[in-house]
Amino acid sequence: MGIVSKGAKCNVDGCDKEGARSLNTTKVENAGLRVVSVGKKTVLCKEHYKEWKKESKDDRDLERARFDKF
């Protein structure tokens, strides 16, 4: 069982909603979200996950392009 299925709350500063996804803490911080988590993983609620996706779209596209075969 993962930390989300155990009922973890969102780790963004000021949010108390149920967690939907867990992501790498450094990737979440690089997207501009203020995180209270100390460990490797950060739990995000549905709204903050959507915000993270919008902010990190360009970075994720570049990352996928690095592994794309021509």
PDB file of N, CA and C in Angstrom:
ATOM      1  N   MET A   1       0.842  -1.194   0.000  1.00  0.00           N
ATOM      2  CA  MET A   1       0.000   0.000   0.000  1.00  0.00           C
ATOM      3  C   MET A   1       0.877   1.244   0.000  1.00  0.00           C
ATOM      4  N   GLY A   2       0.464   2.200  -0.787  1.00  0.00           N
ATOM      5  CA  GLY A   2       1.197   3.457  -0.852  1.00  0.00           C
ATOM      6  C   GLY A   2       0.699   4.445   0.185  1.00  0.00           C
ATOM      7  N   ILE A   3       1.349   5.585   0.251  1.00  0.00           N
ATOM      8  CA  ILE A   3       0.983   6.576   1.259  1.00  0.00           C
ATOM      9  C   ILE A   3      -0.340   7.256   0.933  1.00  0.00           C
ATOM     10  N   VAL A   4      -0.698   7.340  -0.339  1.00  0.00           N
ATOM     11  CA  VAL A   4      -1.970   7.961  -0.712  1.00  0.00           C
ATOM     12  C   VAL A   4      -3.131   7.061  -0.309  1.00  0.00           C
ATOM     13  N   SER A   5      -3.001   5.760  -0.541  1.00  0.00           N
ATOM     14  CA  SER A   5      -4.076   4.835  -0.194  1.00  0.00           C
ATOM     15  C   SER A   5      -4.260   4.690   1.313  1.00  0.00           C
ATOM     16  N   LYS A   6      -3.264   5.075   2.077  1.00  0.00           N
ATOM     17  CA  LYS A   6      -3.389   5.036   3.540  1.00  0.00           C
ATOM     18  C   LYS A   6      -4.085   6.273   4.087  1.00  0.00           C
ATOM     19  N   GLY A   7      -4.424   7.239   3.225  1.00  0.00           N
ATOM     20  CA  GLY A   7      -5.174   8.415   3.651  1.00  0.00           C
ATOM     21  C   GLY A   7      -4.323   9.616   3.979  1.00  0.00           C
ATOM     22  N   ALA A   8      -3.207   9.799   3.287  1.00  0.00           N
ATOM     23  CA  ALA A   8      -2.328  10.937   3.549  1.00  0.00           C
ATOM     24  C   ALA A   8      -2.976  12.228   3.058  1.00  0.00           C
ATOM     25  N   LYS A   9      -2.686  13.313   3.732  1.00  0.00           N
ATOM     26  CA  LYS A   9      -3.206  14.631   3.374  1.00  0.00           C
ATOM     27  C   LYS A   9      -2.213  15.335   2.444  1.00  0.00           C
ATOM     28  N   CYS A  10      -2.706  16.364   1.770  1.00  0.00           N
ATOM     29  CA  CYS A  10      -1.884  17.152   0.864  1.00  0.00           C
ATOM     30  C   CYS A  10      -0.779  17.868   1.654  1.00  0.00           C
ATOM     31  N   ASN A  11       0.449  17.874   1.125  1.00  0.00           N
ATOM     32  CA  ASN A  11       1.592  18.476   1.806  1.00  0.00           C
ATOM     33  C   ASN A  11       1.861  19.921   1.427  1.00  0.00           C
ATOM     34  N   VAL A  12       1.007  20.524   0.599  1.00  0.00           N
ATOM     35  CA  VAL A  12       1.187  21.922   0.232  1.00  0.00           C
ATOM     36  C   VAL A  12       0.795  22.786   1.426  1.00  0.00           C
ATOM     37  N   ASP A  13       1.564  23.840   1.641  1.00  0.00           N
ATOM     38  CA  ASP A  13       1.352  24.724   2.784  1.00  0.00           C
ATOM     39  C   ASP A  13      -0.059  25.311   2.778  1.00  0.00           C
ATOM     40  N   GLY A  14      -0.841  25.043   3.837  1.00  0.00           N
ATOM     41  CA  GLY A  14      -2.189  25.590   3.987  1.00  0.00           C
ATOM     42  C   GLY A  14      -3.298  24.729   3.415  1.00  0.00           C
ATOM     43  N   CYS A  15      -3.006  23.544   2.923  1.00  0.00           N
ATOM     44  CA  CYS A  15      -4.023  22.674   2.327  1.00  0.00           C
ATOM     45  C   CYS A  15      -4.231  21.450   3.215  1.00  0.00           C
ATOM     46  N   ASP A  16      -5.487  21.103   3.485  1.00  0.00           N
ATOM     47  CA  ASP A  16      -5.806  19.932   4.319  1.00  0.00           C
ATOM     48  C   ASP A  16      -6.651  18.904   3.586  1.00  0.00           C
ATOM     49  N   LYS A  17      -6.646  18.927   2.263  1.00  0.00           N
ATOM     50  CA  LYS A  17      -7.466  17.999   1.484  1.00  0.00           C
ATOM     51  C   LYS A  17      -6.789  16.636   1.396  1.00  0.00           C
ATOM     52  N   GLU A  18      -7.575  15.636   1.001  1.00  0.00           N
ATOM     53  CA  GLU A  18      -7.063  14.281   0.818  1.00  0.00           C
ATOM     54  C   GLU A  18      -6.074  14.231  -0.335  1.00  0.00           C
ATOM     55  N   GLY A  19      -5.031  13.442  -0.187  1.00  0.00           N
ATOM     56  CA  GLY A  19      -4.030  13.308  -1.225  1.00  0.00           C
ATOM     57  C   GLY A  19      -4.509  12.461  -2.383  1.00  0.00           C
ATOM     58  N   ALA A  20      -4.116  12.804  -3.596  1.00  0.00           N
ATOM     59  CA  ALA A  20      -4.483  12.047  -4.787  1.00  0.00           C
ATOM     60  C   ALA A  20      -3.255  11.420  -5.449  1.00  0.00           C
ATOM     61  N   ARG A  21      -2.111  12.106  -5.411  1.00  0.00           N
ATOM     62  CA  ARG A  21      -0.887  11.622  -6.038  1.00  0.00           C
ATOM     63  C   ARG A  21       0.302  11.908  -5.147  1.00  0.00           C
ATOM     64  N   SER A  22       1.341  11.099  -5.269  1.00  0.00           N
ATOM     65  CA  SER A  22       2.595  11.384  -4.576  1.00  0.00           C
ATOM     66  C   SER A  22       3.680  11.551  -5.633  1.00  0.00           C
ATOM     67  N   LEU A  23       4.473  12.613  -5.473  1.00  0.00           N
ATOM     68  CA  LEU A  23       5.511  12.952  -6.436  1.00  0.00           C
ATOM     69  C   LEU A  23       6.817  13.243  -5.717  1.00  0.00           C
ATOM     70  N   ASN A  24       7.874  13.334  -6.480  1.00  0.00           N
ATOM     71  CA  ASN A  24       9.180  13.689  -5.956  1.00  0.00           C
ATOM     72  C   ASN A  24       9.139  15.123  -5.409  1.00  0.00           C
ATOM     73  N   THR A  25       9.643  15.325  -4.212  1.00  0.00           N
ATOM     74  CA  THR A  25       9.574  16.626  -3.545  1.00  0.00           C
ATOM     75  C   THR A  25      10.314  17.714  -4.320  1.00  0.00           C
ATOM     76  N   THR A  26      11.471  17.408  -4.868  1.00  0.00           N
ATOM     77  CA  THR A  26      12.231  18.439  -5.589  1.00  0.00           C
ATOM     78  C   THR A  26      11.508  18.883  -6.858  1.00  0.00           C
ATOM     79  N   LYS A  27      10.836  17.960  -7.544  1.00  0.00           N
ATOM     80  CA  LYS A  27      10.088  18.327  -8.745  1.00  0.00           C
ATOM     81  C   LYS A  27       8.914  19.242  -8.399  1.00  0.00           C
ATOM     82  N   VAL A  28       8.272  18.982  -7.271  1.00  0.00           N
ATOM     83  CA  VAL A  28       7.140  19.810  -6.848  1.00  0.00           C
ATOM     84  C   VAL A  28       7.629  21.199  -6.451  1.00  0.00           C
ATOM     85  N   GLU A  29       8.747  21.267  -5.744  1.00  0.00           N
ATOM     86  CA  GLU A  29       9.293  22.563  -5.334  1.00  0.00           C
ATOM     87  C   GLU A  29       9.782  23.358  -6.538  1.00  0.00           C
ATOM     88  N   ASN A  30      10.336  22.694  -7.556  1.00  0.00           N
ATOM     89  CA  ASN A  30      10.796  23.388  -8.760  1.00  0.00           C
ATOM     90  C   ASN A  30       9.636  23.991  -9.552  1.00  0.00           C
ATOM     91  N   ALA A  31       8.441  23.456  -9.370  1.00  0.00           N
ATOM     92  CA  ALA A  31       7.256  23.982 -10.059  1.00  0.00           C
ATOM     93  C   ALA A  31       6.690  25.200  -9.339  1.00  0.00           C
ATOM     94  N   GLY A  32       7.201  25.515  -8.167  1.00  0.00           N
ATOM     95  CA  GLY A  32       6.769  26.721  -7.470  1.00  0.00           C
ATOM     96  C   GLY A  32       5.776  26.501  -6.346  1.00  0.00           C
ATOM     97  N   LEU A  33       5.477  25.263  -5.996  1.00  0.00           N
ATOM     98  CA  LEU A  33       4.549  25.007  -4.893  1.00  0.00           C
ATOM     99  C   LEU A  33       5.308  24.981  -3.571  1.00  0.00           C
ATOM    100  N   ARG A  34       4.741  25.592  -2.539  1.00  0.00           N
ATOM    101  CA  ARG A  34       5.374  25.588  -1.220  1.00  0.00           C
ATOM    102  C   ARG A  34       4.971  24.317  -0.487  1.00  0.00           C
ATOM    103  N   VAL A  35       5.948  23.489  -0.176  1.00  0.00           N
ATOM    104  CA  VAL A  35       5.708  22.169   0.388  1.00  0.00           C
ATOM    105  C   VAL A  35       6.198  22.121   1.827  1.00  0.00           C
ATOM    106  N   VAL A  36       5.430  21.410   2.680  1.00  0.00           N
ATOM    107  CA  VAL A  36       5.794  21.252   4.083  1.00  0.00           C
ATOM    108  C   VAL A  36       6.517  19.926   4.307  1.00  0.00           C
ATOM    109  N   SER A  37       6.533  19.045   3.329  1.00  0.00           N
ATOM    110  CA  SER A  37       7.116  17.713   3.441  1.00  0.00           C
ATOM    111  C   SER A  37       8.640  17.774   3.561  1.00  0.00           C
ATOM    112  N   VAL A  38       9.201  16.813   4.299  1.00  0.00           N
ATOM    113  CA  VAL A  38      10.646  16.750   4.493  1.00  0.00           C
ATOM    114  C   VAL A  38      11.246  15.583   3.711  1.00  0.00           C
ATOM    115  N   GLY A  39      10.477  14.535   3.469  1.00  0.00           N
ATOM    116  CA  GLY A  39      10.982  13.326   2.839  1.00  0.00           C
ATOM    117  C   GLY A  39      11.154  13.446   1.335  1.00  0.00           C
ATOM    118  N   LYS A  40      11.386  12.297   0.707  1.00  0.00           N
ATOM    119  CA  LYS A  40      11.590  12.245  -0.736  1.00  0.00           C
ATOM    120  C   LYS A  40      10.292  12.469  -1.502  1.00  0.00           C
ATOM    121  N   LYS A  41       9.185  12.020  -0.946  1.00  0.00           N
ATOM    122  CA  LYS A  41       7.899  12.086  -1.629  1.00  0.00           C
ATOM    123  C   LYS A  41       7.004  13.161  -1.023  1.00  0.00           C
ATOM    124  N   THR A  42       6.205  13.787  -1.877  1.00  0.00           N
ATOM    125  CA  THR A  42       5.237  14.791  -1.472  1.00  0.00           C
ATOM    126  C   THR A  42       3.871  14.357  -1.968  1.00  0.00           C
ATOM    127  N   VAL A  43       2.865  14.475  -1.114  1.00  0.00           N
ATOM    128  CA  VAL A  43       1.503  14.118  -1.479  1.00  0.00           C
ATOM    129  C   VAL A  43       0.773  15.379  -1.921  1.00  0.00           C
ATOM    130  N   LEU A  44       0.096  15.292  -3.072  1.00  0.00           N
ATOM    131  CA  LEU A  44      -0.660  16.416  -3.599  1.00  0.00           C
ATOM    132  C   LEU A  44      -2.125  16.032  -3.751  1.00  0.00           C
ATOM    133  N   CYS A  45      -3.029  16.985  -3.450  1.00  0.00           N
ATOM    134  CA  CYS A  45      -4.451  16.773  -3.679  1.00  0.00           C
ATOM    135  C   CYS A  45      -4.729  16.957  -5.169  1.00  0.00           C
ATOM    136  N   LYS A  46      -5.964  16.737  -5.554  1.00  0.00           N
ATOM    137  CA  LYS A  46      -6.325  16.805  -6.971  1.00  0.00           C
ATOM    138  C   LYS A  46      -6.072  18.194  -7.559  1.00  0.00           C
ATOM    139  N   GLU A  47      -6.412  19.255  -6.836  1.00  0.00           N
ATOM    140  CA  GLU A  47      -6.248  20.620  -7.345  1.00  0.00           C
ATOM    141  C   GLU A  47      -4.780  21.005  -7.468  1.00  0.00           C
ATOM    142  N   HIS A  48      -3.962  20.662  -6.464  1.00  0.00           N
ATOM    143  CA  HIS A  48      -2.548  21.006  -6.517  1.00  0.00           C
ATOM    144  C   HIS A  48      -1.810  20.152  -7.544  1.00  0.00           C
ATOM    145  N   TYR A  49      -2.264  18.916  -7.759  1.00  0.00           N
ATOM    146  CA  TYR A  49      -1.656  18.085  -8.806  1.00  0.00           C
ATOM    147  C   TYR A  49      -1.914  18.709 -10.170  1.00  0.00           C
ATOM    148  N   LYS A  50      -3.121  19.222 -10.386  1.00  0.00           N
ATOM    149  CA  LYS A  50      -3.452  19.890 -11.638  1.00  0.00           C
ATOM    150  C   LYS A  50      -2.599  21.137 -11.828  1.00  0.00           C
ATOM    151  N   GLU A  51      -2.387  21.889 -10.744  1.00  0.00           N
ATOM    152  CA  GLU A  51      -1.529  23.076 -10.803  1.00  0.00           C
ATOM    153  C   GLU A  51      -0.088  22.685 -11.119  1.00  0.00           C
ATOM    154  N   TRP A  52       0.401  21.602 -10.499  1.00  0.00           N
ATOM    155  CA  TRP A  52       1.762  21.129 -10.754  1.00  0.00           C
ATOM    156  C   TRP A  52       1.917  20.725 -12.217  1.00  0.00           C
ATOM    157  N   LYS A  53       0.908  20.050 -12.777  1.00  0.00           N
ATOM    158  CA  LYS A  53       0.972  19.639 -14.179  1.00  0.00           C
ATOM    159  C   LYS A  53       1.087  20.842 -15.103  1.00  0.00           C
ATOM    160  N   LYS A  54       0.344  21.899 -14.822  1.00  0.00           N
ATOM    161  CA  LYS A  54       0.398  23.094 -15.663  1.00  0.00           C
ATOM    162  C   LYS A  54       1.758  23.771 -15.571  1.00  0.00           C
ATOM    163  N   GLU A  55       2.301  23.873 -14.366  1.00  0.00           N
ATOM    164  CA  GLU A  55       3.574  24.559 -14.163  1.00  0.00           C
ATOM    165  C   GLU A  55       4.762  23.783 -14.718  1.00  0.00           C
ATOM    166  N   SER A  56       4.696  22.467 -14.722  1.00  0.00           N
ATOM    167  CA  SER A  56       5.853  21.661 -15.116  1.00  0.00           C
ATOM    168  C   SER A  56       5.718  21.069 -16.519  1.00  0.00           C
ATOM    169  N   LYS A  57       4.765  21.521 -17.298  1.00  0.00           N
ATOM    170  CA  LYS A  57       4.525  20.952 -18.630  1.00  0.00           C
ATOM    171  C   LYS A  57       5.760  21.037 -19.527  1.00  0.00           C
ATOM    172  N   ASP A  58       6.394  22.184 -19.576  1.00  0.00           N
ATOM    173  CA  ASP A  58       7.569  22.348 -20.436  1.00  0.00           C
ATOM    174  C   ASP A  58       8.715  21.444 -19.990  1.00  0.00           C
ATOM    175  N   ASP A  59       8.934  21.341 -18.683  1.00  0.00           N
ATOM    176  CA  ASP A  59      10.006  20.487 -18.168  1.00  0.00           C
ATOM    177  C   ASP A  59       9.745  19.023 -18.496  1.00  0.00           C
ATOM    178  N   ARG A  60       8.507  18.593 -18.365  1.00  0.00           N
ATOM    179  CA  ARG A  60       8.173  17.201 -18.656  1.00  0.00           C
ATOM    180  C   ARG A  60       8.308  16.903 -20.146  1.00  0.00           C
ATOM    181  N   ASP A  61       7.947  17.868 -20.995  1.00  0.00           N
ATOM    182  CA  ASP A  61       8.120  17.679 -22.435  1.00  0.00           C
ATOM    183  C   ASP A  61       9.594  17.528 -22.803  1.00  0.00           C
ATOM    184  N   LEU A  62      10.444  18.344 -22.206  1.00  0.00           N
ATOM    185  CA  LEU A  62      11.887  18.233 -22.461  1.00  0.00           C
ATOM    186  C   LEU A  62      12.439  16.904 -21.971  1.00  0.00           C
ATOM    187  N   GLU A  63      11.966  16.452 -20.828  1.00  0.00           N
ATOM    188  CA  GLU A  63      12.425  15.186 -20.265  1.00  0.00           C
ATOM    189  C   GLU A  63      12.036  14.015 -21.174  1.00  0.00           C
ATOM    190  N   ARG A  64      10.819  14.044 -21.696  1.00  0.00           N
ATOM    191  CA  ARG A  64      10.384  12.988 -22.614  1.00  0.00           C
ATOM    192  C   ARG A  64      11.186  13.025 -23.914  1.00  0.00           C
ATOM    193  N   ALA A  65      11.512  14.211 -24.381  1.00  0.00           N
ATOM    194  CA  ALA A  65      12.262  14.343 -25.630  1.00  0.00           C
ATOM    195  C   ALA A  65      13.669  13.785 -25.494  1.00  0.00           C
ATOM    196  N   ARG A  66      14.218  13.841 -24.303  1.00  0.00           N
ATOM    197  CA  ARG A  66      15.571  13.290 -24.097  1.00  0.00           C
ATOM    198  C   ARG A  66      15.607  11.789 -24.353  1.00  0.00           C
ATOM    199  N   PHE A  67      14.518  11.087 -24.020  1.00  0.00           N
ATOM    200  CA  PHE A  67      14.493   9.632 -24.146  1.00  0.00           C
ATOM    201  C   PHE A  67      13.816   9.165 -25.418  1.00  0.00           C
ATOM    202  N   ASP A  68      13.353  10.087 -26.244  1.00  0.00           N
ATOM    203  CA  ASP A  68      12.675   9.731 -27.480  1.00  0.00           C
ATOM    204  C   ASP A  68      13.698   9.324 -28.529  1.00  0.00           C
ATOM    205  N   LYS A  69      13.443   8.198 -29.180  1.00  0.00           N
ATOM    206  CA  LYS A  69      14.360   7.725 -30.223  1.00  0.00           C
ATOM    207  C   LYS A  69      13.922   8.299 -31.569  1.00  0.00           C
ATOM    208  N   PHE A  70      14.880   8.664 -32.358  1.00  0.00           N
ATOM    209  CA  PHE A  70      14.590   9.269 -33.648  1.00  0.00           C
ATOM    210  C   PHE A  70      14.490   8.230 -34.723  1.00  0.00           C
TER     211      PHE A  70
END
